[in-house]
Protein backbone atom coordinates (compact mmCIF):
# COMPACT_ATOMS: atom_id res chain seq x y z
CA UNK A 1 53.55 -95.13 179.67
CA UNK A 2 53.51 -96.18 176.00
CA UNK A 3 54.72 -99.32 174.26
CA UNK A 4 58.43 -99.40 173.52
CA UNK A 5 57.60 -101.28 170.32
CA UNK A 6 54.21 -101.11 168.56
CA UNK A 7 54.37 -104.90 168.04
CA UNK A 8 54.75 -105.57 171.77
CA UNK A 9 51.92 -106.78 173.97
CA UNK A 10 50.57 -104.06 176.26
CA UNK A 11 50.04 -105.41 179.78
CA UNK A 12 48.21 -104.17 182.88
CA UNK A 13 47.87 -105.60 186.40
CA UNK A 14 44.98 -105.00 188.80
CA UNK A 15 45.36 -105.86 192.49
CA UNK A 16 48.72 -105.10 194.06
CA UNK A 17 49.07 -107.87 196.60
CA UNK A 18 49.89 -111.02 194.64
CA UNK A 19 49.90 -108.71 191.62
CA UNK A 20 53.43 -107.59 192.47
CA UNK A 21 54.68 -111.00 191.34
CA UNK A 22 52.81 -110.55 188.05
CA UNK A 23 54.37 -107.13 187.62
CA UNK A 24 57.86 -108.53 188.15
CA UNK A 25 57.17 -111.30 185.66
CA UNK A 26 55.79 -108.92 183.03
CA UNK A 27 58.79 -106.60 183.35
CA UNK A 28 61.12 -109.52 182.61
CA UNK A 29 59.00 -110.91 179.78
CA UNK A 30 59.89 -110.67 176.10
CA UNK A 31 57.73 -108.81 173.56
CA UNK A 32 55.77 -107.08 176.30
CA UNK A 33 55.48 -103.70 178.01
CA UNK A 34 53.94 -103.03 181.43
CA UNK A 35 51.68 -100.05 180.74
CA UNK A 36 49.47 -99.72 183.80
CA UNK A 37 48.68 -100.91 187.32
CA UNK A 38 45.38 -100.54 189.16
CA UNK A 39 44.36 -100.74 192.81
CA UNK A 40 41.77 -99.08 195.05
CA UNK A 41 44.59 -97.98 197.39
CA UNK A 42 45.58 -94.69 195.73
CA UNK A 43 48.78 -94.24 197.70
CA UNK A 44 50.01 -97.77 196.99
CA UNK A 45 49.16 -97.76 193.29
CA UNK A 46 50.93 -94.43 192.80
CA UNK A 47 54.07 -95.74 194.49
CA UNK A 48 54.07 -99.04 192.53
CA UNK A 49 53.53 -97.18 189.25
CA UNK A 50 56.43 -94.83 189.98
CA UNK A 51 58.68 -97.76 190.88
CA UNK A 52 57.83 -99.59 187.67
CA UNK A 53 57.60 -96.75 185.19
CA UNK A 54 53.95 -97.22 184.26
CA UNK A 55 50.61 -95.46 184.71
CA UNK A 56 48.47 -95.66 187.86
CA UNK A 57 44.70 -96.17 188.05
CA UNK A 58 42.24 -96.53 190.90
CA UNK A 59 39.32 -97.06 188.48
CA UNK A 60 39.43 -100.42 186.68
CA UNK A 61 36.80 -99.43 184.12
CA UNK A 62 38.74 -96.29 183.24
CA UNK A 63 41.93 -98.31 182.69
CA UNK A 64 40.09 -100.67 180.36
CA UNK A 65 39.32 -97.79 177.99
CA UNK A 66 42.94 -97.83 176.79
CA UNK A 67 43.32 -99.35 173.33
CA UNK A 68 47.00 -100.19 173.87
CA UNK A 69 46.35 -102.65 176.73
CA UNK A 70 46.08 -106.21 175.34
CA UNK A 71 46.30 -108.35 178.51
CA UNK A 72 45.13 -107.72 182.06
CA UNK A 73 46.29 -109.77 185.05
CA UNK A 74 43.51 -109.92 187.64
CA UNK A 75 44.88 -110.33 191.18
CA UNK A 76 42.01 -108.97 193.26
CA UNK A 77 40.03 -110.92 195.93
CA UNK A 78 38.94 -114.27 194.51
CA UNK A 79 35.21 -113.58 194.54
CA UNK A 80 35.71 -110.68 192.12
CA UNK A 81 37.85 -112.46 189.53
CA UNK A 82 35.47 -113.50 186.77
CA UNK A 83 33.19 -110.48 187.07
CA UNK A 84 36.23 -108.29 186.41
CA UNK A 85 37.44 -110.62 183.67
CA UNK A 86 34.11 -110.44 181.85
CA UNK A 87 34.25 -106.64 182.02
CA UNK A 88 37.78 -106.79 180.59
CA UNK A 89 36.66 -109.17 177.83
CA UNK A 90 33.87 -106.78 176.87
CA UNK A 91 36.61 -104.17 176.49
CA UNK A 92 38.54 -106.54 174.20
CA UNK A 93 41.23 -107.62 176.66
CA UNK A 94 42.76 -111.05 177.20
CA UNK A 95 42.96 -112.01 180.89
CA UNK A 96 45.34 -113.92 183.12
CA UNK A 97 43.57 -114.57 186.43
CA UNK A 98 45.31 -115.38 189.69
CA UNK A 99 44.10 -118.62 191.28
CA UNK A 100 41.37 -119.51 191.97
CA UNK A 101 39.87 -118.42 188.68
CA UNK A 102 36.77 -117.59 190.76
CA UNK A 103 34.81 -119.18 193.60
CA UNK A 104 31.48 -119.61 191.72
CA UNK A 105 31.18 -122.24 188.98
CA UNK A 106 28.31 -120.49 187.21
CA UNK A 107 30.37 -117.28 186.85
CA UNK A 108 33.44 -119.25 185.73
CA UNK A 109 31.33 -120.92 183.06
CA UNK A 110 29.99 -117.55 181.92
CA UNK A 111 33.53 -116.14 181.67
CA UNK A 112 34.74 -119.14 179.65
CA UNK A 113 31.79 -118.70 177.31
CA UNK A 114 32.34 -114.93 176.89
CA UNK A 115 36.06 -115.23 176.18
CA UNK A 116 35.48 -118.02 173.66
CA UNK A 117 32.77 -116.06 171.87
CA UNK A 118 35.02 -113.02 171.57
CA UNK A 119 38.10 -115.01 170.49
CA UNK A 120 40.05 -113.87 173.56
CA UNK A 121 42.48 -115.83 175.73
CA UNK A 122 41.60 -116.68 179.35
CA UNK A 123 44.29 -118.09 181.64
CA UNK A 124 44.53 -119.09 185.29
CA UNK A 125 47.70 -119.06 187.38
CA UNK A 126 48.79 -122.56 188.40
CA UNK A 127 52.50 -121.87 188.22
CA UNK A 128 53.52 -125.05 190.06
CA UNK A 129 52.71 -127.13 186.99
CA UNK A 130 55.88 -125.64 185.50
CA UNK A 131 58.14 -126.97 188.26
CA UNK A 132 60.53 -129.57 186.76
CA UNK A 133 59.72 -132.06 189.54
CA UNK A 134 55.99 -131.84 188.84
CA UNK A 135 56.48 -132.04 185.07
CA UNK A 136 58.65 -135.17 185.41
CA UNK A 137 56.11 -136.82 187.71
CA UNK A 138 53.32 -135.99 185.24
CA UNK A 139 55.27 -137.52 182.37
CA UNK A 140 56.01 -140.67 184.39
CA UNK A 141 52.36 -141.08 185.33
CA UNK A 142 50.79 -140.27 181.95
CA UNK A 143 53.20 -142.43 179.95
CA UNK A 144 52.38 -145.42 182.15
CA UNK A 145 55.77 -145.79 183.81
CA UNK A 146 54.08 -145.95 187.23
CA UNK A 147 51.56 -148.48 185.99
CA UNK A 148 47.89 -148.26 186.90
CA UNK A 149 47.19 -145.31 189.25
CA UNK A 150 46.49 -146.51 192.78
CA UNK A 151 46.62 -143.76 195.40
CA UNK A 152 47.56 -140.13 195.94
CA UNK A 153 48.11 -138.41 199.27
CA UNK A 154 48.62 -134.65 199.46
CA UNK A 155 49.27 -132.61 202.58
CA UNK A 156 49.38 -128.83 202.72
CA UNK A 157 50.49 -128.03 206.27
CA UNK A 158 50.93 -124.28 206.22
CA UNK A 159 50.65 -121.57 208.85
CA UNK A 160 49.11 -118.14 208.47
CA UNK A 161 48.91 -115.53 211.22
CA UNK A 162 45.82 -113.66 212.37
CA UNK A 163 47.39 -110.55 210.82
CA UNK A 164 47.39 -112.26 207.42
CA UNK A 165 43.63 -112.71 207.60
CA UNK A 166 43.02 -109.16 208.86
CA UNK A 167 45.15 -107.50 206.14
CA UNK A 168 43.72 -105.70 203.08
CA UNK A 169 40.26 -105.32 204.49
CA UNK A 170 40.00 -108.85 205.89
CA UNK A 171 38.72 -110.54 202.71
CA UNK A 172 40.73 -113.72 203.26
CA UNK A 173 38.91 -116.50 205.05
CA UNK A 174 35.48 -115.20 203.99
CA UNK A 175 33.06 -117.26 201.93
CA UNK A 176 32.06 -114.38 199.65
CA UNK A 177 35.47 -113.01 198.66
CA UNK A 178 37.90 -115.88 199.38
CA UNK A 179 35.44 -118.63 198.54
CA UNK A 180 36.61 -120.60 201.56
CA UNK A 181 39.81 -120.87 203.52
CA UNK A 182 42.81 -123.16 203.56
CA UNK A 183 41.50 -125.26 200.64
CA UNK A 184 40.36 -122.56 198.21
CA UNK A 185 43.23 -120.15 198.87
CA UNK A 186 46.30 -122.23 199.76
CA UNK A 187 45.59 -125.89 198.90
CA UNK A 188 44.11 -125.26 195.46
CA UNK A 189 47.57 -125.46 193.86
CA UNK A 190 48.14 -128.94 195.28
CA UNK A 191 44.64 -130.14 194.47
CA UNK A 192 45.23 -129.03 190.87
CA UNK A 193 48.50 -131.00 190.77
CA UNK A 194 46.86 -134.06 192.34
CA UNK A 195 44.14 -134.31 189.69
CA UNK A 196 46.61 -133.43 186.91
CA UNK A 197 48.77 -136.39 187.93
CA UNK A 198 46.04 -138.89 188.87
CA UNK A 199 43.10 -138.05 186.62
CA UNK A 200 39.58 -136.76 187.12
CA UNK A 201 37.99 -136.92 190.57
CA UNK A 202 34.71 -138.83 190.85
CA UNK A 203 33.63 -138.11 194.45
CA UNK A 204 34.79 -136.76 197.82
CA UNK A 205 33.89 -137.28 201.47
CA UNK A 206 35.18 -134.58 203.79
CA UNK A 207 35.26 -132.84 207.13
CA UNK A 208 36.51 -129.36 208.06
CA UNK A 209 36.60 -126.86 210.91
CA UNK A 210 37.96 -123.53 212.09
CA UNK A 211 40.69 -124.53 214.53
CA UNK A 212 42.91 -121.54 215.23
CA UNK A 213 41.72 -118.35 213.50
CA UNK A 214 38.81 -115.94 213.81
CA UNK A 215 37.53 -116.48 210.25
CA UNK A 216 34.31 -117.65 208.58
CA UNK A 217 35.75 -120.52 206.57
CA UNK A 218 37.96 -123.49 207.39
CA UNK A 219 41.59 -123.40 208.44
CA UNK A 220 41.82 -127.18 208.41
CA UNK A 221 40.09 -129.75 206.18
CA UNK A 222 40.51 -133.42 205.32
CA UNK A 223 38.97 -135.27 202.41
CA UNK A 224 38.82 -138.82 201.06
CA UNK A 225 38.96 -138.86 197.27
CA UNK A 226 37.80 -141.36 194.68
CA UNK A 227 39.11 -140.95 191.13
CA UNK A 228 37.20 -141.97 188.02
CA UNK A 229 39.95 -144.47 187.12
CA UNK A 230 39.45 -146.32 190.41
CA UNK A 231 42.37 -144.79 192.29
CA UNK A 232 41.89 -143.35 195.77
CA UNK A 233 43.43 -140.48 197.70
CA UNK A 234 43.46 -138.10 200.63
CA UNK A 235 43.76 -134.34 201.00
CA UNK A 236 44.80 -132.51 204.17
CA UNK A 237 44.89 -128.73 203.89
CA UNK A 238 45.52 -126.31 206.73
CA UNK A 239 46.74 -122.83 207.61
CA UNK A 240 46.56 -123.58 211.34
CA UNK A 241 49.51 -126.00 211.48
CA UNK A 242 52.29 -124.02 213.18
CA UNK A 243 55.07 -123.53 212.18
CA UNK A 244 54.17 -124.74 208.67
CA UNK A 245 55.74 -128.00 207.48
CA UNK A 246 55.13 -127.34 203.79
CA UNK A 247 53.54 -129.36 201.03
CA UNK A 248 53.87 -133.06 200.34
CA UNK A 249 52.64 -134.84 197.20
CA UNK A 250 52.79 -138.64 197.05
CA UNK A 251 51.51 -140.63 194.07
CA UNK A 252 51.60 -144.39 193.57
CA UNK A 253 50.88 -146.77 190.74
CA UNK A 254 51.26 -150.52 190.42
CA UNK A 255 54.86 -150.08 189.20
CA UNK A 256 56.17 -147.30 191.41
CA UNK A 257 55.76 -144.21 193.54
CA UNK A 258 56.98 -140.61 193.67
CA UNK A 259 57.16 -138.22 196.62
CA UNK A 260 57.62 -134.47 196.06
CA UNK A 261 58.07 -131.79 198.70
CA UNK A 262 57.05 -128.16 198.19
CA UNK A 263 56.36 -128.80 194.48
CA UNK A 264 60.04 -128.52 193.59
CA UNK A 265 61.99 -131.31 195.32
CA UNK A 266 61.75 -135.01 194.55
CA UNK A 267 62.57 -136.90 197.74
CA UNK A 268 61.61 -140.38 196.51
CA UNK A 269 61.41 -141.75 192.96
CA UNK A 270 61.02 -145.49 192.85
CA UNK A 271 59.89 -146.99 189.54
CA UNK A 272 60.24 -150.75 189.12
CA UNK A 273 63.18 -151.93 187.06
CA UNK A 274 64.56 -155.46 187.05
CA UNK A 275 68.00 -153.83 186.94
CA UNK A 276 68.18 -152.72 190.58
CA UNK A 277 71.29 -150.64 190.04
CA UNK A 278 69.64 -148.73 187.21
CA UNK A 279 66.56 -148.22 189.39
CA UNK A 280 68.70 -146.80 192.20
CA UNK A 281 70.69 -144.62 189.81
CA UNK A 282 67.49 -143.12 188.35
CA UNK A 283 66.21 -142.22 191.80
CA UNK A 284 69.51 -140.62 192.79
CA UNK A 285 69.54 -138.64 189.55
CA UNK A 286 65.99 -137.36 190.04
CA UNK A 287 66.69 -136.33 193.62
CA UNK A 288 69.88 -134.54 192.61
CA UNK A 289 68.22 -132.73 189.68
CA UNK A 290 65.62 -131.21 191.98
CA UNK A 291 67.69 -130.69 195.12
CA UNK A 292 66.65 -127.30 196.55
CA UNK A 293 69.18 -124.48 196.66
CA UNK A 294 67.41 -123.10 199.73
CA UNK A 295 64.48 -124.14 201.89
CA UNK A 296 61.02 -123.05 200.73
CA UNK A 297 59.41 -120.57 203.15
CA UNK A 298 55.99 -120.25 201.56
CA UNK A 299 54.42 -122.60 204.13
CA UNK A 300 54.89 -119.89 206.76
CA UNK A 301 55.35 -116.73 204.64
CA UNK A 302 52.82 -115.88 201.88
CA UNK A 303 55.31 -113.44 200.34
CA UNK A 304 57.89 -116.17 199.73
CA UNK A 305 56.26 -117.53 196.55
CA UNK A 306 58.86 -117.92 193.81
CA UNK A 307 58.53 -115.59 190.83
CA UNK A 308 60.31 -118.04 188.53
CA UNK A 309 57.43 -120.32 187.60
CA UNK A 310 54.95 -117.44 187.59
CA UNK A 311 57.21 -115.78 185.02
CA UNK A 312 57.25 -118.93 182.88
CA UNK A 313 53.46 -119.09 182.85
CA UNK A 314 52.98 -115.39 182.12
CA UNK A 315 55.53 -115.53 179.30
CA UNK A 316 53.63 -118.51 177.85
CA UNK A 317 50.40 -116.50 178.01
CA UNK A 318 51.99 -113.51 176.26
CA UNK A 319 53.32 -115.84 173.56
CA UNK A 320 49.89 -117.48 173.22
CA UNK A 321 48.29 -114.10 172.51
CA UNK A 322 50.97 -113.19 169.95
CA UNK A 323 50.89 -116.62 168.31
CA UNK A 324 47.08 -116.93 168.42
CA UNK A 325 47.21 -120.27 170.22
CA UNK A 326 45.81 -121.62 173.49
CA UNK A 327 47.82 -120.91 176.65
CA UNK A 328 49.31 -123.82 178.57
CA UNK A 329 46.73 -123.38 181.34
CA UNK A 330 43.37 -121.95 180.28
CA UNK A 331 40.10 -121.15 182.01
CA UNK A 332 38.74 -124.68 181.71
CA UNK A 333 41.79 -126.00 183.59
CA UNK A 334 41.26 -123.36 186.26
CA UNK A 335 37.69 -124.58 186.72
CA UNK A 336 38.68 -128.18 187.57
CA UNK A 337 40.28 -127.53 190.97
CA UNK A 338 37.47 -125.17 191.99
CA UNK A 339 34.78 -127.79 191.33
CA UNK A 340 36.68 -130.34 193.46
CA UNK A 341 36.99 -127.89 196.36
CA UNK A 342 33.34 -126.85 196.17
CA UNK A 343 32.39 -130.54 196.32
CA UNK A 344 34.60 -130.95 199.40
CA UNK A 345 32.84 -128.01 201.07
CA UNK A 346 29.44 -129.47 200.22
CA UNK A 347 30.46 -132.83 201.66
CA UNK A 348 31.84 -131.31 204.86
CA UNK A 349 28.68 -129.27 205.39
CA UNK A 350 26.26 -132.10 204.55
CA UNK A 351 28.14 -135.02 206.07
CA UNK A 352 27.76 -137.14 202.95
CA UNK A 353 29.81 -138.27 199.95
CA UNK A 354 29.48 -135.82 197.07
CA UNK A 355 29.94 -136.43 193.37
CA UNK A 356 32.23 -133.97 191.58
CA UNK A 357 30.24 -132.59 188.65
């Protein structure tokens, strides 16, 4: 496969689990051509390449030798992310990494340093920041409409089967390759949103356990959170909670509160206004604007993740490369949620409050 236009961005995707969503996004993107896909499963990568009209590789290093590939999406097991990204950077490629950006802070820091030194773009997928409900909540909080931040409560009550953890070589739920369990893999999106809305986290105190799966890492965890601005919060993250009730994000300030379900639907929006009718009308408008067309299934089905916001983020990254600007979500942003989760793990293992560094 060659570029349809020499001015287009050449794109490649490695890892054909979550990578399928990246492929779909790239194919719909402007000023971009999907040139190659890579996976260690030779049969699968051949089929995906045929379906998408691009070249197939089972050797990542061999694919990186191509001069026409500008961006690589890395969608392999989490513990491989930044090692592969650094290899790609040394080959002159920009990288969009699936969350988490990695599971080791020292390797994340090395990747950030390498990409900066080479003048290359490094992005991390946190597609839920592009949901209108989340963006409106962020604007309300950061412009002071909710007053002084007080408390945030997030719950990620999802369900994953034993088959989910056994699939693709059983890397999920391992400390080495998944970096943890229900927090690092599933809850990281919500933890990112929580700190984006409320501000930097100062410390955590947590507990966790394996409740209902045969895995190394946790399938349920709870944490108390202190923010640097004095606000407080709680995190509950689980993949053991059958049948999967979804995600809830609640934030409160001295002048109001917002409740969002499954990142996309505002179910409560109450911001103080002396004009009670106007206050009620604003809430009704916000709820109507974000009313779901259909129920989200991602809490029980990992394949139900919407491609829409992933597409928005990948298009932004493509544009950032072409326009020589920073992407909306870069490697440093990707690092923030990882450091919070690693502090939660340290607290749960040690039984003490841990500062988030």
